[in-house]
PDB file of all heavy atoms in Angstrom:
ATOM      1  N   ILE A   1       0.870  -1.188  -0.007  1.00  0.00           N
ATOM      2  CA  ILE A   1      -0.006   0.003  -0.007  1.00  0.00           C
ATOM      3  C   ILE A   1       0.892   1.214  -0.013  1.00  0.00           C
ATOM      4  O   ILE A   1       1.669   1.418   0.921  1.00  0.00           O
ATOM      5  CB  ILE A   1      -0.930   0.012   1.224  1.00  0.00           C
ATOM      6  CG1 ILE A   1      -1.880  -1.173   1.162  1.00  0.00           C
ATOM      7  CG2 ILE A   1      -1.725   1.302   1.272  1.00  0.00           C
ATOM      8  CD1 ILE A   1      -2.711  -1.355   2.392  1.00  0.00           C
ATOM      9  N   ASP A   2       0.794   2.031  -1.038  1.00  0.00           N
ATOM     10  CA  ASP A   2       1.591   3.239  -1.149  1.00  0.00           C
ATOM     11  C   ASP A   2       0.748   4.416  -0.604  1.00  0.00           C
ATOM     12  O   ASP A   2      -0.105   4.959  -1.298  1.00  0.00           O
ATOM     13  CB  ASP A   2       1.983   3.513  -2.616  1.00  0.00           C
ATOM     14  CG  ASP A   2       2.947   4.658  -2.733  1.00  0.00           C
ATOM     15  OD1 ASP A   2       3.617   5.009  -1.753  1.00  0.00           O
ATOM     16  OD2 ASP A   2       3.066   5.242  -3.850  1.00  0.00           O
ATOM     17  N   LEU A   3       0.986   4.735   0.670  1.00  0.00           N
ATOM     18  CA  LEU A   3       0.232   5.842   1.281  1.00  0.00           C
ATOM     19  C   LEU A   3       0.600   7.168   0.692  1.00  0.00           C
ATOM     20  O   LEU A   3       1.805   7.439   0.508  1.00  0.00           O
ATOM     21  CB  LEU A   3       0.494   5.862   2.791  1.00  0.00           C
ATOM     22  CG  LEU A   3      -0.005   4.690   3.669  1.00  0.00           C
ATOM     23  CD1 LEU A   3       0.458   4.872   5.110  1.00  0.00           C
ATOM     24  CD2 LEU A   3      -1.487   4.559   3.589  1.00  0.00           C
ATOM     25  N   PRO A   4      -0.381   8.023   0.488  1.00  0.00           N
ATOM     26  CA  PRO A   4       0.006   9.400   0.104  1.00  0.00           C
ATOM     27  C   PRO A   4       0.667  10.071   1.279  1.00  0.00           C
ATOM     28  O   PRO A   4       0.397   9.695   2.462  1.00  0.00           O
ATOM     29  CB  PRO A   4      -1.326  10.035  -0.239  1.00  0.00           C
ATOM     30  CG  PRO A   4      -2.409   9.133   0.215  1.00  0.00           C
ATOM     31  CD  PRO A   4      -1.789   7.785   0.506  1.00  0.00           C
ATOM     32  N   PRO A   5       1.538  11.043   1.053  1.00  0.00           N
ATOM     33  CA  PRO A   5       2.250  11.672   2.181  1.00  0.00           C
ATOM     34  C   PRO A   5       1.338  12.232   3.265  1.00  0.00           C
ATOM     35  O   PRO A   5       1.646  12.117   4.454  1.00  0.00           O
ATOM     36  CB  PRO A   5       3.020  12.809   1.498  1.00  0.00           C
ATOM     37  CG  PRO A   5       3.214  12.343   0.094  1.00  0.00           C
ATOM     38  CD  PRO A   5       1.967  11.532  -0.239  1.00  0.00           C
ATOM     39  N   TRP A   6       0.210  12.785   2.916  1.00  0.00           N
ATOM     40  CA  TRP A   6      -0.678  13.354   3.947  1.00  0.00           C
ATOM     41  C   TRP A   6      -1.216  12.284   4.855  1.00  0.00           C
ATOM     42  O   TRP A   6      -1.367  12.483   6.069  1.00  0.00           O
ATOM     43  CB  TRP A   6      -1.855  14.137   3.292  1.00  0.00           C
ATOM     44  CG  TRP A   6      -2.875  13.275   2.611  1.00  0.00           C
ATOM     45  CD1 TRP A   6      -2.928  12.946   1.264  1.00  0.00           C
ATOM     46  CD2 TRP A   6      -3.973  12.588   3.203  1.00  0.00           C
ATOM     47  NE1 TRP A   6      -3.933  12.116   0.991  1.00  0.00           N
ATOM     48  CE2 TRP A   6      -4.648  11.873   2.164  1.00  0.00           C
ATOM     49  CE3 TRP A   6      -4.488  12.502   4.497  1.00  0.00           C
ATOM     50  CZ2 TRP A   6      -5.788  11.105   2.391  1.00  0.00           C
ATOM     51  CZ3 TRP A   6      -5.615  11.727   4.699  1.00  0.00           C
ATOM     52  CH2 TRP A   6      -6.239  11.058   3.649  1.00  0.00           C
ATOM     53  N   GLU A   7      -1.459  11.077   4.329  1.00  0.00           N
ATOM     54  CA  GLU A   7      -1.989   9.984   5.148  1.00  0.00           C
ATOM     55  C   GLU A   7      -0.915   9.435   6.056  1.00  0.00           C
ATOM     56  O   GLU A   7      -1.201   9.130   7.235  1.00  0.00           O
ATOM     57  CB  GLU A   7      -2.554   8.890   4.275  1.00  0.00           C
ATOM     58  CG  GLU A   7      -3.412   7.923   5.046  1.00  0.00           C
ATOM     59  CD  GLU A   7      -4.195   6.961   4.105  1.00  0.00           C
ATOM     60  OE1 GLU A   7      -4.330   7.212   2.936  1.00  0.00           O
ATOM     61  OE2 GLU A   7      -4.626   5.936   4.658  1.00  0.00           O
ATOM     62  N   ALA A   8       0.301   9.334   5.581  1.00  0.00           N
ATOM     63  CA  ALA A   8       1.413   8.861   6.439  1.00  0.00           C
ATOM     64  C   ALA A   8       1.625   9.862   7.576  1.00  0.00           C
ATOM     65  O   ALA A   8       1.810   9.456   8.718  1.00  0.00           O
ATOM     66  CB  ALA A   8       2.679   8.715   5.594  1.00  0.00           C
ATOM     67  N   ARG A   9       1.597  11.169   7.252  1.00  0.00           N
ATOM     68  CA  ARG A   9       1.752  12.175   8.300  1.00  0.00           C
ATOM     69  C   ARG A   9       0.599  12.116   9.325  1.00  0.00           C
ATOM     70  O   ARG A   9       0.791  12.245  10.527  1.00  0.00           O
ATOM     71  CB  ARG A   9       1.862  13.530   7.709  1.00  0.00           C
ATOM     72  CG  ARG A   9       3.187  13.857   7.064  1.00  0.00           C
ATOM     73  CD  ARG A   9       3.383  15.335   6.735  1.00  0.00           C
ATOM     74  NE  ARG A   9       2.359  15.858   5.863  1.00  0.00           N
ATOM     75  CZ  ARG A   9       2.394  15.808   4.489  1.00  0.00           C
ATOM     76  NH1 ARG A   9       3.413  15.238   3.907  1.00  0.00           N
ATOM     77  NH2 ARG A   9       1.388  16.294   3.794  1.00  0.00           N
ATOM     78  N   LEU A  10      -0.610  11.862   8.824  1.00  0.00           N
ATOM     79  CA  LEU A  10      -1.788  11.735   9.691  1.00  0.00           C
ATOM     80  C   LEU A  10      -1.652  10.523  10.623  1.00  0.00           C
ATOM     81  O   LEU A  10      -1.921  10.647  11.831  1.00  0.00           O
ATOM     82  CB  LEU A  10      -3.078  11.644   8.869  1.00  0.00           C
ATOM     83  CG  LEU A  10      -4.367  11.416   9.674  1.00  0.00           C
ATOM     84  CD1 LEU A  10      -4.622  12.583  10.607  1.00  0.00           C
ATOM     85  CD2 LEU A  10      -5.548  11.232   8.722  1.00  0.00           C
ATOM     86  N   LEU A  11      -1.202   9.399  10.082  1.00  0.00           N
ATOM     87  CA  LEU A  11      -1.024   8.200  10.935  1.00  0.00           C
ATOM     88  C   LEU A  11      -0.005   8.455  12.012  1.00  0.00           C
ATOM     89  O   LEU A  11      -0.214   8.063  13.206  1.00  0.00           O
ATOM     90  CB  LEU A  11      -0.639   6.996  10.076  1.00  0.00           C
ATOM     91  CG  LEU A  11      -1.707   6.462   9.144  1.00  0.00           C
ATOM     92  CD1 LEU A  11      -1.139   5.460   8.164  1.00  0.00           C
ATOM     93  CD2 LEU A  11      -2.846   5.869   9.944  1.00  0.00           C
ATOM     94  N   ARG A  12       1.082   9.103  11.658  1.00  0.00           N
ATOM     95  CA  ARG A  12       2.131   9.434  12.671  1.00  0.00           C
ATOM     96  C   ARG A  12       1.555  10.407  13.703  1.00  0.00           C
ATOM     97  O   ARG A  12       1.754  10.194  14.901  1.00  0.00           O
ATOM     98  CB  ARG A  12       3.350  10.072  11.944  1.00  0.00           C
ATOM     99  CG  ARG A  12       4.321  10.708  12.828  1.00  0.00           C
ATOM    100  CD  ARG A  12       5.358   9.768  13.387  1.00  0.00           C
ATOM    101  NE  ARG A  12       6.355  10.622  14.073  1.00  0.00           N
ATOM    102  CZ  ARG A  12       6.932  10.295  15.160  1.00  0.00           C
ATOM    103  NH1 ARG A  12       6.751   9.103  15.670  1.00  0.00           N
ATOM    104  NH2 ARG A  12       7.786  11.077  15.737  1.00  0.00           N
ATOM    105  N   SER A  13       0.797  11.422  13.253  1.00  0.00           N
ATOM    106  CA  SER A  13       0.203  12.377  14.212  1.00  0.00           C
ATOM    107  C   SER A  13      -0.783  11.697  15.163  1.00  0.00           C
ATOM    108  O   SER A  13      -0.873  12.014  16.341  1.00  0.00           O
ATOM    109  CB  SER A  13      -0.489  13.511  13.463  1.00  0.00           C
ATOM    110  OG  SER A  13       0.410  14.252  12.725  1.00  0.00           O
ATOM    111  N   LEU A  14      -1.573  10.788  14.606  1.00  0.00           N
ATOM    112  CA  LEU A  14      -2.550  10.058  15.434  1.00  0.00           C
ATOM    113  C   LEU A  14      -1.823   9.209  16.502  1.00  0.00           C
ATOM    114  O   LEU A  14      -2.274   9.101  17.648  1.00  0.00           O
ATOM    115  CB  LEU A  14      -3.459   9.165  14.583  1.00  0.00           C
ATOM    116  CG  LEU A  14      -4.482   9.930  13.745  1.00  0.00           C
ATOM    117  CD1 LEU A  14      -5.165   8.972  12.790  1.00  0.00           C
ATOM    118  CD2 LEU A  14      -5.506  10.648  14.615  1.00  0.00           C
ATOM    119  N   SER A  15      -0.711   8.587  16.121  1.00  0.00           N
ATOM    120  CA  SER A  15       0.056   7.806  17.068  1.00  0.00           C
ATOM    121  C   SER A  15       0.622   8.707  18.148  1.00  0.00           C
ATOM    122  O   SER A  15       0.625   8.339  19.346  1.00  0.00           O
ATOM    123  CB  SER A  15       1.154   7.051  16.379  1.00  0.00           C
ATOM    124  OG  SER A  15       1.925   6.300  17.262  1.00  0.00           O
ATOM    125  N   VAL A  16       1.153   9.897  17.793  1.00  0.00           N
ATOM    126  CA  VAL A  16       1.666  10.834  18.791  1.00  0.00           C
ATOM    127  C   VAL A  16       0.551  11.252  19.736  1.00  0.00           C
ATOM    128  O   VAL A  16       0.754  11.283  20.939  1.00  0.00           O
ATOM    129  CB  VAL A  16       2.281  12.066  18.082  1.00  0.00           C
ATOM    130  CG1 VAL A  16       2.556  13.182  19.054  1.00  0.00           C
ATOM    131  CG2 VAL A  16       3.528  11.680  17.316  1.00  0.00           C
ATOM    132  N   ALA A  17      -0.632  11.540  19.183  1.00  0.00           N
ATOM    133  CA  ALA A  17      -1.755  11.910  20.012  1.00  0.00           C
ATOM    134  C   ALA A  17      -2.215  10.751  20.928  1.00  0.00           C
ATOM    135  O   ALA A  17      -2.555  10.992  22.104  1.00  0.00           O
ATOM    136  CB  ALA A  17      -2.937  12.373  19.153  1.00  0.00           C
ATOM    137  N   TYR A  18      -2.136   9.520  20.459  1.00  0.00           N
ATOM    138  CA  TYR A  18      -2.503   8.367  21.261  1.00  0.00           C
ATOM    139  C   TYR A  18      -1.550   8.240  22.463  1.00  0.00           C
ATOM    140  O   TYR A  18      -2.008   8.016  23.591  1.00  0.00           O
ATOM    141  CB  TYR A  18      -2.429   7.087  20.410  1.00  0.00           C
ATOM    142  CG  TYR A  18      -2.829   5.844  21.158  1.00  0.00           C
ATOM    143  CD1 TYR A  18      -4.121   5.423  21.166  1.00  0.00           C
ATOM    144  CD2 TYR A  18      -1.866   5.086  21.829  1.00  0.00           C
ATOM    145  CE1 TYR A  18      -4.493   4.271  21.895  1.00  0.00           C
ATOM    146  CE2 TYR A  18      -2.215   3.966  22.523  1.00  0.00           C
ATOM    147  CZ  TYR A  18      -3.536   3.555  22.569  1.00  0.00           C
ATOM    148  OH  TYR A  18      -3.893   2.439  23.274  1.00  0.00           O
ATOM    149  N   VAL A  19      -0.274   8.360  22.217  1.00  0.00           N
ATOM    150  CA  VAL A  19       0.695   8.262  23.310  1.00  0.00           C
ATOM    151  C   VAL A  19       0.493   9.398  24.344  1.00  0.00           C
ATOM    152  O   VAL A  19       0.450   9.152  25.531  1.00  0.00           O
ATOM    153  CB  VAL A  19       2.146   8.307  22.766  1.00  0.00           C
ATOM    154  CG1 VAL A  19       3.152   8.449  23.895  1.00  0.00           C
ATOM    155  CG2 VAL A  19       2.449   7.072  21.970  1.00  0.00           C
ATOM    156  N   ALA A  20       0.263  10.629  23.880  1.00  0.00           N
ATOM    157  CA  ALA A  20       0.050  11.763  24.767  1.00  0.00           C
ATOM    158  C   ALA A  20      -1.212  11.568  25.623  1.00  0.00           C
ATOM    159  O   ALA A  20      -1.213  11.777  26.812  1.00  0.00           O
ATOM    160  CB  ALA A  20      -0.017  13.027  23.978  1.00  0.00           C
ATOM    161  N   GLU A  21      -2.304  11.134  24.951  1.00  0.00           N
ATOM    162  CA  GLU A  21      -3.568  10.933  25.683  1.00  0.00           C
ATOM    163  C   GLU A  21      -3.442   9.781  26.659  1.00  0.00           C
ATOM    164  O   GLU A  21      -3.951   9.853  27.778  1.00  0.00           O
ATOM    165  CB  GLU A  21      -4.721  10.637  24.704  1.00  0.00           C
ATOM    166  CG  GLU A  21      -6.039  10.423  25.379  1.00  0.00           C
ATOM    167  CD  GLU A  21      -6.597  11.580  26.145  1.00  0.00           C
ATOM    168  OE1 GLU A  21      -6.236  12.726  25.858  1.00  0.00           O
ATOM    169  OE2 GLU A  21      -7.351  11.338  27.135  1.00  0.00           O
ATOM    170  N   GLY A  22      -2.719   8.753  26.302  1.00  0.00           N
ATOM    171  CA  GLY A  22      -2.503   7.623  27.203  1.00  0.00           C
ATOM    172  C   GLY A  22      -1.831   8.037  28.458  1.00  0.00           C
ATOM    173  O   GLY A  22      -2.154   7.560  29.578  1.00  0.00           O
ATOM    174  N   ARG A  23      -0.854   8.935  28.350  1.00  0.00           N
ATOM    175  CA  ARG A  23      -0.143   9.411  29.541  1.00  0.00           C
ATOM    176  C   ARG A  23      -1.031  10.317  30.380  1.00  0.00           C
ATOM    177  O   ARG A  23      -1.059  10.179  31.603  1.00  0.00           O
ATOM    178  CB  ARG A  23       1.147  10.115  29.120  1.00  0.00           C
ATOM    179  CG  ARG A  23       2.147   9.130  28.587  1.00  0.00           C
ATOM    180  CD  ARG A  23       3.515   9.733  28.329  1.00  0.00           C
ATOM    181  NE  ARG A  23       4.387   8.679  27.795  1.00  0.00           N
ATOM    182  CZ  ARG A  23       5.163   8.823  26.706  1.00  0.00           C
ATOM    183  NH1 ARG A  23       5.173   9.976  26.094  1.00  0.00           N
ATOM    184  NH2 ARG A  23       5.907   7.833  26.301  1.00  0.00           N
ATOM    185  N   SER A  24      -1.788  11.175  29.762  1.00  0.00           N
ATOM    186  CA  SER A  24      -2.702  12.064  30.475  1.00  0.00           C
ATOM    187  C   SER A  24      -3.798  11.221  31.172  1.00  0.00           C
ATOM    188  O   SER A  24      -4.211  11.550  32.284  1.00  0.00           O
ATOM    189  CB  SER A  24      -3.369  13.053  29.546  1.00  0.00           C
ATOM    190  OG  SER A  24      -2.449  13.909  28.962  1.00  0.00           O
ATOM    191  N   ALA A  25      -4.256  10.195  30.470  1.00  0.00           N
ATOM    192  CA  ALA A  25      -5.379   9.402  30.972  1.00  0.00           C
ATOM    193  C   ALA A  25      -5.018   8.506  32.142  1.00  0.00           C
ATOM    194  O   ALA A  25      -5.899   7.912  32.723  1.00  0.00           O
ATOM    195  CB  ALA A  25      -5.946   8.543  29.832  1.00  0.00           C
TER     196      ALA A  25
END
């Protein structure tokens, strides 16, 4: 699967947000 750059950046951003929320939670 060749992700478009915007989707790869979105996946990375979602992972960053997941880690941050996990620590806050």
